[in-house]
Amino acid sequence: MRMENFVIIDIGSNSVRMAVYQINADGTYHEIKRMKNDTRLSEGMGNKNILQFSAMKRTIATLKHFKSEYSKLSNVTVKAIATAAVRQAQNQQDFLHSIKDEIGITVQVLTGNEEAYYDYEGVVKRLSVRDYVLMDIGGASVEIVHVRNKQAINYVSIPTGAVKMTERFKLQNEITAANLFSAQQFIIEMYSKIGWLKHPLHYPIVLIGGAARTLARINRRHQHFKHVDRIQDYQLTRKQINHTMSIFLNDNLKQRQQINGLESDRADVIVGGLINLTSVMDFIDSKRVIFSDGGVREGVVNEYVEKEL
């Protein structure tokens, strides 16, 4: 195996990300570049799950920009994946054909279970904790994995992502008690149908995804940490999370956009995302959250390196 540049493009429901890993001849690797653009692909999909033209156009424009970057590299392998928004879309094939025609790459659409599995693969070696519930809050879906003794016991993907919940229950601006209650009941009903989710009682939640990074960054700023983006192994108690959530709920959109650490383009969907976390903490009576900077992309590169060696 010779040195190569392995490019992972992750077409998510809220953002498109690119990570470039330099893989050495001995199988070791490190990230040399990362880029992200919030394209909000799942915006306006509605109950019919149809990708909107403007959202697809934004995403393809981002992919063209990413291509202009990785085309400068030598010995490049590109792996493109798509998650919940594309997975759920009725017009999935039209979108994938457009990407193939305009960018020249074939996109692998991950199933919910595959996404949850790669999430697990991407975090398990980074954590010292052995028993936990892994949760990845995305734009269109949430992946949940029951991990016992560092092994994935069960995993599931549910369509309660940040953008989906926000649009369905009108959580963008001023949030009414009635809408919040309806959203919570909807999620709890979903959880109740997952038979195994009652078993990891009191387990800590390991949280990944965009909403996770935002929650960690806000609290690290508040606690005056020097490096607010270093979230691996950072922890928050249930009380701290509920306090942060109450701030979001008491603010309207304009006020939320002023919160230090909360990106203004995520301020409208942050409650729709984190309601998944607060609900699961109540459901299994979890007392703390551990953050990880791993996830799908790290899981994909781990698998690729193991296969190539």
C-alpha atoms as a PDB file:
ATOM      1  CA  MET A   1       0.000   0.000   0.000  1.00  0.00           C
ATOM      2  CA  ARG A   2       1.455   3.375  -0.990  1.00  0.00           C
ATOM      3  CA  MET A   3       0.608   6.779   0.405  1.00  0.00           C
ATOM      4  CA  GLU A   4      -2.755   8.031  -0.821  1.00  0.00           C
ATOM      5  CA  ASN A   5      -5.228  10.804  -0.180  1.00  0.00           C
ATOM      6  CA  PHE A   6      -8.594   9.384   0.835  1.00  0.00           C
ATOM      7  CA  VAL A   7     -11.457  11.867   0.429  1.00  0.00           C
ATOM      8  CA  ILE A   8     -14.746  11.280   2.222  1.00  0.00           C
ATOM      9  CA  ILE A   9     -17.722  13.364   1.144  1.00  0.00           C
ATOM     10  CA  ASP A  10     -20.634  13.146   3.543  1.00  0.00           C
ATOM     11  CA  ILE A  11     -23.926  14.472   2.124  1.00  0.00           C
ATOM     12  CA  GLY A  12     -25.952  15.052   5.260  1.00  0.00           C
ATOM     13  CA  SER A  13     -29.425  16.406   5.797  1.00  0.00           C
ATOM     14  CA  ASN A  14     -28.235  19.716   7.206  1.00  0.00           C
ATOM     15  CA  SER A  15     -24.689  20.054   5.891  1.00  0.00           C
ATOM     16  CA  VAL A  16     -22.228  18.598   3.396  1.00  0.00           C
ATOM     17  CA  ARG A  17     -18.793  17.807   4.757  1.00  0.00           C
ATOM     18  CA  MET A  18     -15.507  16.788   3.195  1.00  0.00           C
ATOM     19  CA  ALA A  19     -12.611  15.231   5.082  1.00  0.00           C
ATOM     20  CA  VAL A  20      -9.283  14.394   3.445  1.00  0.00           C
ATOM     21  CA  TYR A  21      -7.116  11.755   5.098  1.00  0.00           C
ATOM     22  CA  GLN A  22      -3.518  11.056   4.184  1.00  0.00           C
ATOM     23  CA  ILE A  23      -3.069   7.302   4.457  1.00  0.00           C
ATOM     24  CA  ASN A  24       0.518   6.138   4.835  1.00  0.00           C
ATOM     25  CA  ALA A  25       2.036   2.915   3.511  1.00  0.00           C
ATOM     26  CA  ASP A  26       1.927   1.346   6.984  1.00  0.00           C
ATOM     27  CA  GLY A  27      -1.837   1.961   7.334  1.00  0.00           C
ATOM     28  CA  THR A  28      -1.579   4.918   9.711  1.00  0.00           C
ATOM     29  CA  TYR A  29      -3.527   7.997   8.668  1.00  0.00           C
ATOM     30  CA  HIS A  30      -4.306  11.545   9.698  1.00  0.00           C
ATOM     31  CA  GLU A  31      -6.727  14.207   8.578  1.00  0.00           C
ATOM     32  CA  ILE A  32      -5.120  16.921   6.465  1.00  0.00           C
ATOM     33  CA  LYS A  33      -8.167  18.944   5.415  1.00  0.00           C
ATOM     34  CA  ARG A  34     -11.774  19.382   6.363  1.00  0.00           C
ATOM     35  CA  MET A  35     -14.501  21.535   4.834  1.00  0.00           C
ATOM     36  CA  LYS A  36     -18.169  22.036   5.559  1.00  0.00           C
ATOM     37  CA  ASN A  37     -21.095  23.894   4.049  1.00  0.00           C
ATOM     38  CA  ASP A  38     -24.592  24.107   5.504  1.00  0.00           C
ATOM     39  CA  THR A  39     -26.756  23.286   2.484  1.00  0.00           C
ATOM     40  CA  ARG A  40     -29.895  22.275   4.453  1.00  0.00           C
ATOM     41  CA  LEU A  41     -30.701  19.501   1.963  1.00  0.00           C
ATOM     42  CA  SER A  42     -33.718  18.260   3.935  1.00  0.00           C
ATOM     43  CA  GLU A  43     -35.353  21.692   4.040  1.00  0.00           C
ATOM     44  CA  GLY A  44     -38.953  21.628   2.851  1.00  0.00           C
ATOM     45  CA  MET A  45     -39.056  17.871   2.176  1.00  0.00           C
ATOM     46  CA  GLY A  46     -42.344  17.648   4.060  1.00  0.00           C
ATOM     47  CA  ASN A  47     -44.346  14.491   4.665  1.00  0.00           C
ATOM     48  CA  LYS A  48     -43.960  13.463   1.014  1.00  0.00           C
ATOM     49  CA  ASN A  49     -40.148  13.349   1.402  1.00  0.00           C
ATOM     50  CA  ILE A  50     -39.299  15.189  -1.803  1.00  0.00           C
ATOM     51  CA  LEU A  51     -35.935  16.937  -2.097  1.00  0.00           C
ATOM     52  CA  GLN A  52     -36.483  20.537  -3.157  1.00  0.00           C
ATOM     53  CA  PHE A  53     -34.792  21.913  -6.286  1.00  0.00           C
ATOM     54  CA  SER A  54     -33.139  24.822  -4.442  1.00  0.00           C
ATOM     55  CA  ALA A  55     -31.705  22.488  -1.767  1.00  0.00           C
ATOM     56  CA  MET A  56     -30.331  20.086  -4.401  1.00  0.00           C
ATOM     57  CA  LYS A  57     -28.827  23.018  -6.305  1.00  0.00           C
ATOM     58  CA  ARG A  58     -27.062  24.300  -3.147  1.00  0.00           C
ATOM     59  CA  THR A  59     -25.693  20.836  -2.454  1.00  0.00           C
ATOM     60  CA  ILE A  60     -24.383  20.273  -5.980  1.00  0.00           C
ATOM     61  CA  ALA A  61     -22.716  23.717  -5.941  1.00  0.00           C
ATOM     62  CA  THR A  62     -20.928  22.708  -2.721  1.00  0.00           C
ATOM     63  CA  LEU A  63     -19.832  19.383  -4.236  1.00  0.00           C
ATOM     64  CA  LYS A  64     -18.353  21.261  -7.219  1.00  0.00           C
ATOM     65  CA  HIS A  65     -16.400  23.478  -4.831  1.00  0.00           C
ATOM     66  CA  PHE A  66     -15.137  20.443  -2.913  1.00  0.00           C
ATOM     67  CA  LYS A  67     -14.054  18.812  -6.190  1.00  0.00           C
ATOM     68  CA  SER A  68     -12.022  21.885  -7.096  1.00  0.00           C
ATOM     69  CA  GLU A  69     -10.146  21.358  -3.799  1.00  0.00           C
ATOM     70  CA  TYR A  70      -9.483  17.609  -3.901  1.00  0.00           C
ATOM     71  CA  SER A  71      -8.584  17.733  -7.606  1.00  0.00           C
ATOM     72  CA  LYS A  72      -5.374  19.527  -6.590  1.00  0.00           C
ATOM     73  CA  LEU A  73      -4.189  16.416  -4.720  1.00  0.00           C
ATOM     74  CA  SER A  74      -2.309  13.416  -6.087  1.00  0.00           C
ATOM     75  CA  ASN A  75      -3.251   9.734  -5.767  1.00  0.00           C
ATOM     76  CA  VAL A  76      -6.814  10.513  -4.705  1.00  0.00           C
ATOM     77  CA  THR A  77      -9.569   8.042  -3.811  1.00  0.00           C
ATOM     78  CA  VAL A  78     -13.015   9.588  -3.348  1.00  0.00           C
ATOM     79  CA  LYS A  79     -15.743   7.952  -1.273  1.00  0.00           C
ATOM     80  CA  ALA A  80     -19.100   9.738  -1.234  1.00  0.00           C
ATOM     81  CA  ILE A  81     -21.890   8.799   1.137  1.00  0.00           C
ATOM     82  CA  ALA A  82     -25.363  10.204   1.760  1.00  0.00           C
ATOM     83  CA  THR A  83     -27.522   9.818   4.830  1.00  0.00           C
ATOM     84  CA  ALA A  84     -31.126  10.341   5.911  1.00  0.00           C
ATOM     85  CA  ALA A  85     -32.384  13.114   3.606  1.00  0.00           C
ATOM     86  CA  VAL A  86     -31.320  11.225   0.477  1.00  0.00           C
ATOM     87  CA  ARG A  87     -32.254   7.882   2.022  1.00  0.00           C
ATOM     88  CA  GLN A  88     -35.823   9.065   2.655  1.00  0.00           C
ATOM     89  CA  ALA A  89     -36.258  11.006  -0.592  1.00  0.00           C
ATOM     90  CA  GLN A  90     -38.759   9.846  -3.218  1.00  0.00           C
ATOM     91  CA  ASN A  91     -36.696  11.627  -5.876  1.00  0.00           C
ATOM     92  CA  GLN A  92     -33.440  10.089  -4.648  1.00  0.00           C
ATOM     93  CA  GLN A  93     -32.438   8.667  -8.046  1.00  0.00           C
ATOM     94  CA  ASP A  94     -32.894  11.992  -9.860  1.00  0.00           C
ATOM     95  CA  PHE A  95     -30.584  13.665  -7.350  1.00  0.00           C
ATOM     96  CA  LEU A  96     -27.950  10.913  -7.526  1.00  0.00           C
ATOM     97  CA  HIS A  97     -27.974  11.008 -11.349  1.00  0.00           C
ATOM     98  CA  SER A  98     -27.470  14.794 -11.248  1.00  0.00           C
ATOM     99  CA  ILE A  99     -24.439  14.373  -8.970  1.00  0.00           C
ATOM    100  CA  LYS A 100     -23.004  11.679 -11.244  1.00  0.00           C
ATOM    101  CA  ASP A 101     -23.515  13.851 -14.343  1.00  0.00           C
ATOM    102  CA  GLU A 102     -22.207  17.108 -12.871  1.00  0.00           C
ATOM    103  CA  ILE A 103     -19.511  15.950 -10.438  1.00  0.00           C
ATOM    104  CA  GLY A 104     -18.582  12.508 -11.791  1.00  0.00           C
ATOM    105  CA  ILE A 105     -18.906  10.644  -8.496  1.00  0.00           C
ATOM    106  CA  THR A 106     -21.170   7.784  -7.439  1.00  0.00           C
ATOM    107  CA  VAL A 107     -22.811   8.268  -4.058  1.00  0.00           C
ATOM    108  CA  GLN A 108     -23.487   5.384  -1.685  1.00  0.00           C
ATOM    109  CA  VAL A 109     -26.750   5.949   0.199  1.00  0.00           C
ATOM    110  CA  LEU A 110     -26.322   4.464   3.662  1.00  0.00           C
ATOM    111  CA  THR A 111     -29.195   2.598   5.266  1.00  0.00           C
ATOM    112  CA  GLY A 112     -30.136   3.711   8.758  1.00  0.00           C
ATOM    113  CA  ASN A 113     -28.398   0.668  10.229  1.00  0.00           C
ATOM    114  CA  GLU A 114     -25.248   1.281   8.169  1.00  0.00           C
ATOM    115  CA  GLU A 115     -25.123   4.884   9.344  1.00  0.00           C
ATOM    116  CA  ALA A 116     -25.514   3.793  12.975  1.00  0.00           C
ATOM    117  CA  TYR A 117     -22.813   1.129  12.491  1.00  0.00           C
ATOM    118  CA  TYR A 118     -20.312   3.624  11.015  1.00  0.00           C
ATOM    119  CA  ASP A 119     -21.109   6.034  13.877  1.00  0.00           C
ATOM    120  CA  TYR A 120     -20.178   3.279  16.328  1.00  0.00           C
ATOM    121  CA  GLU A 121     -17.007   2.365  14.384  1.00  0.00           C
ATOM    122  CA  GLY A 122     -16.021   6.025  14.350  1.00  0.00           C
ATOM    123  CA  VAL A 123     -16.209   6.551  18.130  1.00  0.00           C
ATOM    124  CA  VAL A 124     -15.575   3.216  19.875  1.00  0.00           C
ATOM    125  CA  LYS A 125     -11.757   3.453  19.873  1.00  0.00           C
ATOM    126  CA  ARG A 126     -11.815   7.073  21.023  1.00  0.00           C
ATOM    127  CA  LEU A 127     -13.711   6.419  24.250  1.00  0.00           C
ATOM    128  CA  SER A 128     -12.628   4.915  27.565  1.00  0.00           C
ATOM    129  CA  VAL A 129     -16.230   4.320  28.689  1.00  0.00           C
ATOM    130  CA  ARG A 130     -17.395   0.753  27.940  1.00  0.00           C
ATOM    131  CA  ASP A 131     -21.193   0.932  28.362  1.00  0.00           C
ATOM    132  CA  TYR A 132     -23.190   3.746  26.783  1.00  0.00           C
ATOM    133  CA  VAL A 133     -25.949   4.782  24.414  1.00  0.00           C
ATOM    134  CA  LEU A 134     -24.515   6.411  21.309  1.00  0.00           C
ATOM    135  CA  MET A 135     -26.696   9.085  19.719  1.00  0.00           C
ATOM    136  CA  ASP A 136     -26.094  10.885  16.425  1.00  0.00           C
ATOM    137  CA  ILE A 137     -28.508  13.791  15.914  1.00  0.00           C
ATOM    138  CA  GLY A 138     -28.648  14.706  12.228  1.00  0.00           C
ATOM    139  CA  GLY A 139     -30.912  16.922  10.168  1.00  0.00           C
ATOM    140  CA  ALA A 140     -33.415  14.266   9.046  1.00  0.00           C
ATOM    141  CA  SER A 141     -32.702  11.292  11.313  1.00  0.00           C
ATOM    142  CA  VAL A 142     -31.281  10.222  14.647  1.00  0.00           C
ATOM    143  CA  GLU A 143     -29.163   7.090  15.043  1.00  0.00           C
ATOM    144  CA  ILE A 144     -29.103   5.319  18.411  1.00  0.00           C
ATOM    145  CA  VAL A 145     -26.707   2.496  19.320  1.00  0.00           C
ATOM    146  CA  HIS A 146     -26.711   0.413  22.520  1.00  0.00           C
ATOM    147  CA  VAL A 147     -23.064  -0.305  23.376  1.00  0.00           C
ATOM    148  CA  ARG A 148     -22.167  -2.810  26.110  1.00  0.00           C
ATOM    149  CA  ASN A 149     -18.561  -3.677  26.938  1.00  0.00           C
ATOM    150  CA  LYS A 150     -17.507  -1.686  23.844  1.00  0.00           C
ATOM    151  CA  GLN A 151     -19.641  -3.901  21.557  1.00  0.00           C
ATOM    152  CA  ALA A 152     -22.629  -2.618  19.549  1.00  0.00           C
ATOM    153  CA  ILE A 153     -25.570  -4.691  20.825  1.00  0.00           C
ATOM    154  CA  ASN A 154     -28.439  -2.967  19.007  1.00  0.00           C
ATOM    155  CA  TYR A 155     -28.841  -0.014  16.669  1.00  0.00           C
ATOM    156  CA  VAL A 156     -31.662   1.884  15.038  1.00  0.00           C
ATOM    157  CA  SER A 157     -32.333   4.983  12.922  1.00  0.00           C
ATOM    158  CA  ILE A 158     -35.471   7.068  13.462  1.00  0.00           C
ATOM    159  CA  PRO A 159     -36.770  10.017  11.357  1.00  0.00           C
ATOM    160  CA  THR A 160     -36.698  12.624  14.136  1.00  0.00           C
ATOM    161  CA  GLY A 161     -33.765  14.771  12.971  1.00  0.00           C
ATOM    162  CA  ALA A 162     -33.385  18.458  13.799  1.00  0.00           C
ATOM    163  CA  VAL A 163     -34.818  19.869  10.551  1.00  0.00           C
ATOM    164  CA  LYS A 164     -37.654  17.318  10.426  1.00  0.00           C
ATOM    165  CA  MET A 165     -38.783  18.004  13.995  1.00  0.00           C
ATOM    166  CA  THR A 166     -38.412  21.760  13.616  1.00  0.00           C
ATOM    167  CA  GLU A 167     -40.609  21.912  10.508  1.00  0.00           C
ATOM    168  CA  ARG A 168     -43.190  19.413  11.772  1.00  0.00           C
ATOM    169  CA  PHE A 169     -43.731  21.058  15.189  1.00  0.00           C
ATOM    170  CA  LYS A 170     -42.972  24.716  14.341  1.00  0.00           C
ATOM    171  CA  LEU A 171     -39.937  25.027  16.633  1.00  0.00           C
ATOM    172  CA  GLN A 172     -38.097  27.673  14.578  1.00  0.00           C
ATOM    173  CA  ASN A 173     -38.887  30.914  16.400  1.00  0.00           C
ATOM    174  CA  GLU A 174     -40.967  31.404  19.538  1.00  0.00           C
ATOM    175  CA  ILE A 175     -41.701  27.946  20.892  1.00  0.00           C
ATOM    176  CA  THR A 176     -45.091  27.364  22.486  1.00  0.00           C
ATOM    177  CA  ALA A 177     -45.618  24.909  25.320  1.00  0.00           C
ATOM    178  CA  ALA A 178     -48.156  23.041  23.177  1.00  0.00           C
ATOM    179  CA  ASN A 179     -45.735  22.553  20.264  1.00  0.00           C
ATOM    180  CA  LEU A 180     -42.924  21.513  22.596  1.00  0.00           C
ATOM    181  CA  PHE A 181     -45.182  18.991  24.347  1.00  0.00           C
ATOM    182  CA  SER A 182     -46.371  17.569  21.002  1.00  0.00           C
ATOM    183  CA  ALA A 183     -42.784  17.160  19.802  1.00  0.00           C
ATOM    184  CA  GLN A 184     -41.749  15.435  23.041  1.00  0.00           C
ATOM    185  CA  GLN A 185     -44.719  13.057  22.897  1.00  0.00           C
ATOM    186  CA  PHE A 186     -43.952  12.197  19.274  1.00  0.00           C
ATOM    187  CA  ILE A 187     -40.351  11.279  20.125  1.00  0.00           C
ATOM    188  CA  ILE A 188     -41.257   9.348  23.286  1.00  0.00           C
ATOM    189  CA  GLU A 189     -43.776   7.351  21.233  1.00  0.00           C
ATOM    190  CA  MET A 190     -40.976   6.516  18.780  1.00  0.00           C
ATOM    191  CA  TYR A 191     -38.694   5.431  21.631  1.00  0.00           C
ATOM    192  CA  SER A 192     -41.437   3.266  23.149  1.00  0.00           C
ATOM    193  CA  LYS A 193     -41.509   1.172  19.964  1.00  0.00           C
ATOM    194  CA  ILE A 194     -37.778   0.362  20.285  1.00  0.00           C
ATOM    195  CA  GLY A 195     -37.956  -2.678  22.570  1.00  0.00           C
ATOM    196  CA  TRP A 196     -34.262  -2.789  23.519  1.00  0.00           C
ATOM    197  CA  LEU A 197     -34.053   0.911  24.443  1.00  0.00           C
ATOM    198  CA  LYS A 198     -35.531   0.132  27.865  1.00  0.00           C
ATOM    199  CA  HIS A 199     -32.501  -2.030  28.757  1.00  0.00           C
ATOM    200  CA  PRO A 200     -29.563   0.435  28.993  1.00  0.00           C
ATOM    201  CA  LEU A 201     -31.087   2.221  32.009  1.00  0.00           C
ATOM    202  CA  HIS A 202     -28.894   4.936  33.589  1.00  0.00           C
ATOM    203  CA  TYR A 203     -26.252   4.555  30.845  1.00  0.00           C
ATOM    204  CA  PRO A 204     -24.422   7.746  29.838  1.00  0.00           C
ATOM    205  CA  ILE A 205     -25.237   9.160  26.389  1.00  0.00           C
ATOM    206  CA  VAL A 206     -22.331   9.538  23.975  1.00  0.00           C
ATOM    207  CA  LEU A 207     -23.413  12.363  21.695  1.00  0.00           C
ATOM    208  CA  ILE A 208     -22.161  13.129  18.173  1.00  0.00           C
ATOM    209  CA  GLY A 209     -23.359  15.243  15.240  1.00  0.00           C
ATOM    210  CA  GLY A 210     -23.851  18.942  14.556  1.00  0.00           C
ATOM    211  CA  ALA A 211     -26.256  19.593  17.440  1.00  0.00           C
ATOM    212  CA  ALA A 212     -23.789  17.856  19.772  1.00  0.00           C
ATOM    213  CA  ARG A 213     -20.872  20.037  18.704  1.00  0.00           C
ATOM    214  CA  THR A 214     -23.011  23.149  19.183  1.00  0.00           C
ATOM    215  CA  LEU A 215     -24.174  22.126  22.673  1.00  0.00           C
ATOM    216  CA  ALA A 216     -20.600  21.361  23.745  1.00  0.00           C
ATOM    217  CA  ARG A 217     -19.181  24.566  22.252  1.00  0.00           C
ATOM    218  CA  ILE A 218     -21.755  26.804  23.986  1.00  0.00           C
ATOM    219  CA  ASN A 219     -21.039  25.265  27.380  1.00  0.00           C
ATOM    220  CA  ARG A 220     -17.266  25.269  26.908  1.00  0.00           C
ATOM    221  CA  ARG A 221     -17.414  28.985  26.065  1.00  0.00           C
ATOM    222  CA  HIS A 222     -19.569  29.586  29.130  1.00  0.00           C
ATOM    223  CA  GLN A 223     -16.997  27.711  31.267  1.00  0.00           C
ATOM    224  CA  HIS A 224     -14.162  29.770  29.707  1.00  0.00           C
ATOM    225  CA  PHE A 225     -12.307  26.859  28.133  1.00  0.00           C
ATOM    226  CA  LYS A 226      -9.444  28.022  25.935  1.00  0.00           C
ATOM    227  CA  HIS A 227     -10.124  25.513  23.130  1.00  0.00           C
ATOM    228  CA  VAL A 228     -13.895  25.451  22.705  1.00  0.00           C
ATOM    229  CA  ASP A 229     -13.805  23.025  19.758  1.00  0.00           C
ATOM    230  CA  ARG A 230     -11.918  20.270  21.594  1.00  0.00           C
ATOM    231  CA  ILE A 231     -14.989  18.303  22.575  1.00  0.00           C
ATOM    232  CA  GLN A 232     -13.644  14.709  22.729  1.00  0.00           C
ATOM    233  CA  ASP A 233     -14.476  13.266  26.196  1.00  0.00           C
ATOM    234  CA  TYR A 234     -16.034  16.559  27.348  1.00  0.00           C
ATOM    235  CA  GLN A 235     -18.976  15.894  29.683  1.00  0.00           C
ATOM    236  CA  LEU A 236     -22.139  17.658  30.779  1.00  0.00           C
ATOM    237  CA  THR A 237     -24.639  16.688  33.456  1.00  0.00           C
ATOM    238  CA  ARG A 238     -28.356  16.373  32.814  1.00  0.00           C
ATOM    239  CA  LYS A 239     -28.857  19.516  34.915  1.00  0.00           C
ATOM    240  CA  GLN A 240     -26.423  21.515  32.716  1.00  0.00           C
ATOM    241  CA  ILE A 241     -28.139  20.306  29.550  1.00  0.00           C
ATOM    242  CA  ASN A 242     -31.601  21.181  30.870  1.00  0.00           C
ATOM    243  CA  HIS A 243     -30.314  24.654  31.804  1.00  0.00           C
ATOM    244  CA  THR A 244     -28.958  25.215  28.269  1.00  0.00           C
ATOM    245  CA  MET A 245     -32.190  23.910  26.755  1.00  0.00           C
ATOM    246  CA  SER A 246     -34.266  26.292  28.896  1.00  0.00           C
ATOM    247  CA  ILE A 247     -32.252  29.220  27.518  1.00  0.00           C
ATOM    248  CA  PHE A 248     -33.039  28.092  23.958  1.00  0.00           C
ATOM    249  CA  LEU A 249     -36.725  27.665  24.796  1.00  0.00           C
ATOM    250  CA  ASN A 250     -37.060  31.087  26.431  1.00  0.00           C
ATOM    251  CA  ASP A 251     -35.426  32.877  23.484  1.00  0.00           C
ATOM    252  CA  ASN A 252     -36.937  33.647  20.119  1.00  0.00           C
ATOM    253  CA  LEU A 253     -34.940  33.014  16.944  1.00  0.00           C
ATOM    254  CA  LYS A 254     -33.309  36.447  16.880  1.00  0.00           C
ATOM    255  CA  GLN A 255     -32.177  36.080  20.500  1.00  0.00           C
ATOM    256  CA  ARG A 256     -30.892  32.548  19.904  1.00  0.00           C
ATOM    257  CA  GLN A 257     -28.786  33.816  16.991  1.00  0.00           C
ATOM    258  CA  GLN A 258     -26.900  36.021  19.458  1.00  0.00           C
ATOM    259  CA  ILE A 259     -25.871  33.133  21.734  1.00  0.00           C
ATOM    260  CA  ASN A 260     -22.100  32.766  21.829  1.00  0.00           C
ATOM    261  CA  GLY A 261     -21.133  29.427  20.250  1.00  0.00           C
ATOM    262  CA  LEU A 262     -24.431  28.844  18.440  1.00  0.00           C
ATOM    263  CA  GLU A 263     -24.041  29.297  14.678  1.00  0.00           C
ATOM    264  CA  SER A 264     -26.757  31.664  13.459  1.00  0.00           C
ATOM    265  CA  ASP A 265     -27.750  29.244  10.675  1.00  0.00           C
ATOM    266  CA  ARG A 266     -28.334  26.474  13.251  1.00  0.00           C
ATOM    267  CA  ALA A 267     -30.315  28.611  15.708  1.00  0.00           C
ATOM    268  CA  ASP A 268     -33.660  27.736  14.111  1.00  0.00           C
ATOM    269  CA  VAL A 269     -33.178  23.935  14.342  1.00  0.00           C
ATOM    270  CA  ILE A 270     -31.214  23.518  17.586  1.00  0.00           C
ATOM    271  CA  VAL A 271     -34.307  22.859  19.740  1.00  0.00           C
ATOM    272  CA  GLY A 272     -35.674  20.380  17.180  1.00  0.00           C
ATOM    273  CA  GLY A 273     -32.371  18.519  17.420  1.00  0.00           C
ATOM    274  CA  LEU A 274     -31.734  18.580  21.156  1.00  0.00           C
ATOM    275  CA  ILE A 275     -35.276  17.576  22.076  1.00  0.00           C
ATOM    276  CA  ASN A 276     -34.132  14.092  21.010  1.00  0.00           C
ATOM    277  CA  LEU A 277     -31.382  14.216  23.626  1.00  0.00           C
ATOM    278  CA  THR A 278     -33.478  15.499  26.529  1.00  0.00           C
ATOM    279  CA  SER A 279     -36.194  12.955  25.711  1.00  0.00           C
ATOM    280  CA  VAL A 280     -33.816   9.979  25.640  1.00  0.00           C
ATOM    281  CA  MET A 281     -32.192  11.113  28.902  1.00  0.00           C
ATOM    282  CA  ASP A 282     -35.635  11.101  30.512  1.00  0.00           C
ATOM    283  CA  PHE A 283     -36.540   7.788  28.849  1.00  0.00           C
ATOM    284  CA  ILE A 284     -33.529   5.835  30.205  1.00  0.00           C
ATOM    285  CA  ASP A 285     -32.873   8.109  33.206  1.00  0.00           C
ATOM    286  CA  SER A 286     -29.387   9.048  32.018  1.00  0.00           C
ATOM    287  CA  LYS A 287     -27.433  11.475  34.209  1.00  0.00           C
ATOM    288  CA  ARG A 288     -24.649  12.636  31.866  1.00  0.00           C
ATOM    289  CA  VAL A 289     -23.570  13.180  28.285  1.00  0.00           C
ATOM    290  CA  ILE A 290     -20.096  12.447  26.922  1.00  0.00           C
ATOM    291  CA  PHE A 291     -19.151  14.146  23.658  1.00  0.00           C
ATOM    292  CA  SER A 292     -17.068  12.630  20.884  1.00  0.00           C
ATOM    293  CA  ASP A 293     -15.662  14.174  17.717  1.00  0.00           C
ATOM    294  CA  GLY A 294     -15.847  10.819  15.898  1.00  0.00           C
ATOM    295  CA  GLY A 295     -18.668   9.637  13.681  1.00  0.00           C
ATOM    296  CA  VAL A 296     -19.617   8.310  10.266  1.00  0.00           C
ATOM    297  CA  ARG A 297     -16.594   9.666   8.389  1.00  0.00           C
ATOM    298  CA  GLU A 298     -14.121   8.213  10.888  1.00  0.00           C
ATOM    299  CA  GLY A 299     -15.956   4.889  10.708  1.00  0.00           C
ATOM    300  CA  VAL A 300     -15.707   4.866   6.911  1.00  0.00           C
ATOM    301  CA  VAL A 301     -11.971   5.604   6.851  1.00  0.00           C
ATOM    302  CA  ASN A 302     -11.309   2.963   9.535  1.00  0.00           C
ATOM    303  CA  GLU A 303     -13.095   0.355   7.437  1.00  0.00           C
ATOM    304  CA  TYR A 304     -11.284   1.434   4.250  1.00  0.00           C
ATOM    305  CA  VAL A 305      -7.830   1.202   5.839  1.00  0.00           C
ATOM    306  CA  GLU A 306      -8.570  -2.221   7.356  1.00  0.00           C
ATOM    307  CA  LYS A 307      -9.692  -3.560   3.959  1.00  0.00           C
ATOM    308  CA  GLU A 308      -6.673  -2.154   2.120  1.00  0.00           C
ATOM    309  CA  LEU A 309      -4.067  -3.498   4.543  1.00  0.00           C
END
